[in-house]
Protein backbone atom coordinates (compact mmCIF):
# COMPACT_ATOMS: atom_id res chain seq x y z
CA MET A 1 -14.82 -4.56 -12.47
CA LEU A 2 -18.33 -4.68 -11.13
CA THR A 3 -18.90 -2.33 -8.29
CA ILE A 4 -19.67 -4.82 -5.65
CA ASP A 5 -15.88 -5.43 -5.85
CA LEU A 6 -15.28 -1.95 -4.81
CA VAL A 7 -17.29 -1.51 -1.70
CA ASN A 8 -15.40 -0.39 1.02
CA LYS A 9 -17.07 -1.32 4.66
CA ASN A 10 -14.82 0.78 7.00
CA ILE A 11 -16.77 4.53 5.94
CA PRO A 12 -19.92 4.50 8.63
CA ARG A 13 -23.33 4.64 8.01
CA LEU A 14 -25.74 6.67 9.50
CA GLN A 15 -29.16 5.63 11.06
CA LEU A 16 -32.24 8.22 11.08
CA GLN A 17 -32.21 8.32 14.93
CA ASP A 18 -28.36 9.39 14.97
CA SER A 19 -27.74 13.03 15.86
CA VAL A 20 -26.57 15.85 13.42
CA SER A 21 -23.35 16.16 15.32
CA LYS A 22 -22.52 12.80 15.20
CA GLY A 23 -23.05 12.95 11.47
CA LEU A 24 -20.53 15.91 11.24
CA ARG A 25 -18.38 14.25 13.35
CA LEU A 26 -17.86 11.37 11.31
CA MET A 27 -17.47 12.89 8.43
CA SER A 28 -14.36 14.76 10.07
CA ASP A 29 -13.16 11.44 11.27
CA PHE A 30 -13.00 9.89 7.78
CA ARG A 31 -12.91 13.01 5.42
CA VAL A 32 -15.84 12.44 3.58
CA SER A 33 -18.59 15.08 2.22
CA HIS A 34 -21.37 13.03 2.40
CA LEU A 35 -22.65 9.87 4.13
CA PRO A 36 -25.61 7.32 3.66
CA VAL A 37 -28.73 6.83 5.76
CA VAL A 38 -30.06 3.40 6.33
CA SER A 39 -32.63 1.74 8.16
CA ASP A 40 -33.42 -1.49 8.33
CA GLU A 41 -30.78 -2.30 6.27
CA LYS A 42 -32.26 -0.38 3.46
CA PHE A 43 -30.79 2.70 1.93
CA LEU A 44 -32.62 5.89 2.11
CA GLY A 45 -30.08 8.37 0.79
CA LEU A 46 -27.04 10.51 0.87
CA ILE A 47 -26.91 13.46 3.63
CA SER A 48 -24.50 15.89 2.86
CA GLU A 49 -21.92 17.69 5.54
CA GLU A 50 -23.36 21.21 3.93
CA ASP A 51 -26.72 20.09 5.01
CA LEU A 52 -25.70 18.86 8.51
CA LEU A 53 -24.09 22.37 8.94
CA ASP A 54 -27.15 24.30 7.91
CA ALA A 55 -29.53 22.31 10.64
CA GLU A 56 -30.14 24.30 13.97
CA ASP A 57 -29.69 22.07 16.39
CA GLY A 58 -26.66 19.75 16.30
CA LYS A 59 -28.86 17.49 19.06
CA ASN A 60 -31.85 16.96 16.61
CA SER A 61 -31.68 13.79 14.64
CA ILE A 62 -30.62 12.90 11.21
CA GLU A 63 -34.73 12.23 10.53
CA VAL A 64 -35.55 15.64 10.28
CA LEU A 65 -33.23 16.23 7.43
CA GLN A 66 -34.48 13.56 5.42
CA HIS A 67 -36.17 15.90 2.82
CA HIS A 68 -32.22 16.68 1.98
CA PHE A 69 -31.71 13.29 1.23
CA ILE A 70 -29.77 12.60 -2.28
CA GLN A 71 -31.31 9.61 -3.83
CA ALA A 72 -28.31 8.53 -5.34
CA SER A 73 -26.58 4.82 -5.50
CA VAL A 74 -25.46 2.29 -7.98
CA LYS A 75 -26.58 -1.31 -8.37
CA ALA A 76 -23.88 -4.03 -7.31
CA ASN A 77 -23.95 -5.75 -10.30
CA VAL A 78 -23.09 -3.36 -12.42
CA HIS A 79 -19.49 -2.04 -14.02
CA PHE A 80 -17.66 0.68 -12.11
CA LEU A 81 -17.84 3.00 -14.75
CA ASN A 82 -21.14 3.95 -13.64
CA ALA A 83 -19.97 4.57 -10.01
CA VAL A 84 -17.30 7.03 -11.34
CA ASN A 85 -20.31 8.57 -13.43
CA SER A 86 -22.31 8.90 -10.33
CA SER A 87 -19.79 10.47 -8.47
CA ILE A 88 -18.91 13.37 -11.11
CA GLN A 89 -22.51 14.29 -11.92
CA LEU A 90 -23.26 14.34 -7.80
CA GLU A 91 -20.05 15.84 -6.99
CA THR A 92 -19.62 13.31 -4.03
CA ASN A 93 -16.69 11.49 -2.58
CA VAL A 94 -18.64 8.12 -1.75
CA VAL A 95 -21.22 6.22 -4.11
CA PRO A 96 -23.64 3.63 -1.79
CA VAL A 97 -23.88 0.41 -3.39
CA VAL A 98 -26.98 -1.23 -3.02
CA ASN A 99 -28.81 -4.70 -4.34
CA ALA A 100 -31.82 -5.09 -6.18
CA ALA A 101 -33.97 -5.18 -2.87
CA ASN A 102 -32.59 -1.69 -2.00
CA ASP A 103 -30.46 -3.08 0.83
CA TYR A 104 -27.11 -1.21 1.75
CA LEU A 105 -23.87 -2.91 0.94
CA GLY A 106 -21.53 -0.63 1.79
CA VAL A 107 -19.94 2.50 -0.64
CA ILE A 108 -17.35 3.23 -2.88
CA SER A 109 -14.45 6.08 -2.18
CA THR A 110 -13.42 8.55 -4.94
CA ALA A 111 -9.90 7.55 -3.87
CA ASP A 112 -11.02 3.81 -5.05
CA LEU A 113 -12.48 4.75 -8.22
CA LEU A 114 -9.50 7.12 -8.94
CA LYS A 115 -7.07 3.96 -8.32
CA THR A 116 -9.28 1.62 -10.21
CA LEU A 117 -9.70 3.87 -13.23
CA GLY A 118 -6.12 4.47 -13.34
CA ASN A 119 -5.45 0.86 -13.41
CA PHE A 120 -8.32 0.51 -16.33
CA SER A 121 -6.58 3.23 -18.34
CA GLY A 122 -3.41 1.99 -18.11
CA ALA A 123 -1.83 4.54 -16.15
CA ASP A 124 0.39 1.79 -14.22
CA GLU A 125 1.68 0.37 -17.57
CA ILE A 126 4.87 2.08 -18.92
CA GLY A 127 4.73 3.15 -22.28
CA GLY A 128 3.97 5.98 -24.20
CA ILE A 129 0.95 8.28 -25.20
CA VAL A 130 0.05 9.18 -28.71
CA VAL A 131 -2.92 11.81 -29.09
CA LEU A 132 -4.84 11.70 -32.90
CA GLU A 133 -7.59 14.23 -34.27
CA MET A 134 -9.83 13.49 -36.72
CA GLU A 135 -13.42 13.59 -38.05
CA ARG A 136 -15.74 10.86 -36.72
CA SER A 137 -15.61 9.28 -40.34
CA GLN A 138 -11.92 8.57 -40.50
CA PHE A 139 -11.96 6.74 -37.17
CA ALA A 140 -11.09 2.73 -38.08
CA ILE A 141 -9.60 1.48 -34.96
CA SER A 142 -8.42 -1.47 -37.26
CA GLU A 143 -5.98 0.61 -39.34
CA ILE A 144 -4.83 2.67 -36.21
CA SER A 145 -3.88 -0.91 -34.54
CA ARG A 146 -2.13 -1.96 -37.87
CA ILE A 147 -0.18 1.23 -37.77
CA VAL A 148 0.89 0.80 -34.49
CA GLU A 149 1.51 -3.09 -34.49
CA SER A 150 3.85 -2.36 -37.78
CA ASN A 151 6.17 -0.68 -35.71
CA ASP A 152 6.64 -3.37 -32.93
CA CYS A 153 3.83 -2.03 -30.30
CA HIS A 154 0.84 -2.64 -29.28
CA ILE A 155 -2.01 -0.69 -28.29
CA LEU A 156 -2.64 -1.23 -24.00
CA HIS A 157 -5.77 1.21 -23.91
CA LEU A 158 -7.37 3.51 -26.73
CA ASN A 159 -9.79 6.16 -25.48
CA THR A 160 -11.87 8.82 -27.63
CA THR A 161 -13.60 12.16 -26.91
CA ILE A 162 -15.87 14.53 -29.04
CA ASN A 163 -14.13 18.29 -28.80
CA PRO A 164 -17.63 20.22 -28.12
CA ILE A 165 -16.49 22.99 -29.91
CA THR A 166 -14.91 21.96 -33.26
CA GLY A 167 -17.14 18.41 -33.03
CA LEU A 168 -13.32 16.46 -33.88
CA LEU A 169 -12.94 13.24 -32.51
CA THR A 170 -9.80 12.95 -30.16
CA VAL A 171 -8.21 9.58 -30.09
CA THR A 172 -5.45 9.09 -27.17
CA ILE A 173 -3.49 6.02 -27.47
CA HIS A 174 -1.54 4.31 -24.42
CA LEU A 175 1.30 1.83 -26.03
CA ASN A 176 3.56 -0.22 -24.45
CA ASN A 177 6.02 1.25 -25.51
CA LYS A 178 7.67 4.39 -24.66
CA GLU A 179 9.94 4.81 -28.03
CA ILE A 180 7.42 6.19 -30.16
CA ALA A 181 9.28 7.91 -32.91
CA SER A 182 8.76 5.63 -35.67
CA VAL A 183 4.80 5.25 -34.67
CA ILE A 184 4.47 9.28 -35.03
CA ALA A 185 6.09 9.01 -38.10
CA THR A 186 3.74 6.31 -39.52
CA PHE A 187 0.84 8.33 -38.33
CA GLU A 188 2.02 11.75 -40.14
CA ARG A 189 2.80 9.74 -43.15
CA TYR A 190 -0.90 7.96 -43.63
CA ASP A 191 -2.16 12.37 -42.91
CA TYR A 192 -3.17 11.66 -39.28
CA THR A 193 -3.28 14.63 -37.50
CA VAL A 194 -1.11 14.02 -34.32
CA ILE A 195 -1.97 16.66 -31.53
CA TYR A 196 0.92 15.69 -29.14
CA TYR A 197 2.59 12.75 -27.84
CA PHE A 198 4.80 12.00 -24.80
CA GLY A 199 7.07 9.29 -24.88
CA ASN A 200 11.16 9.09 -25.93
CA GLU A 201 12.81 9.90 -28.95
CA LYS A 202 15.72 7.63 -28.75
CA PHE A 203 14.56 5.73 -31.87
CA GLU A 204 14.39 8.98 -33.67
CA ASN A 205 17.52 10.48 -32.04
CA GLU A 206 19.50 6.98 -33.30
CA ILE A 207 18.43 7.50 -37.07
CA ASP A 208 19.29 11.06 -37.10
CA ILE A 209 22.51 10.30 -35.55
CA ASN A 210 22.82 7.33 -38.35
CA TYR A 211 22.00 9.75 -41.02
CA ARG A 212 24.72 12.16 -39.95
CA HIS A 213 27.15 9.44 -39.67
CA PHE A 214 26.28 8.24 -43.24
CA MET A 215 26.66 11.89 -44.77
CA ASN A 216 29.61 12.35 -43.16
CA TYR A 217 30.84 9.17 -44.60
CA LEU A 218 29.55 10.02 -48.41
CA ASN A 219 31.76 13.07 -47.94
CA LEU A 220 34.83 11.89 -47.34
């Protein structure tokens, strides 16, 4: 999904001639910490609520605060993860979107980014989660997929991060099935380190029950 697909045009923009008090009022009404400032449809930057509060006179125009503008925006034709990164790096709850000519197109709210990121990561899908830890040289997505699929499951989403302290790779796997005991057992059989997992243990419990029934039968 591209950033242009997430643009929210309901959040207002500020003009240079708008007053500081108007900016503060709009930020309060729309519950945002920053607002974009535009002149002749060109994006000039973001102004923060903090900078507006520090202004000496609420009647002054936004123009006098131009040196506080944050030069942050994303292009309309890039992946939405660029907007996620911008929001995190600048700690803003809106991300301006512009075209190649720097024309202002709107903003993306962090609420919309979070929702889209959740859908992107498969958070809306019902299934189990397995988290592995390994050396980076051990990571082979083909083998991980084979282990998962050999247990009649499929990978909905896979994400990797590096532990900054140990340097080990953390692999988070979202599966299409909550009953993942057999998947866990297979990973462990292939010497994978399973840090933790979330899902039902129904299958494992059924094996345990059947095993105990079988042992009782042998003892007859």
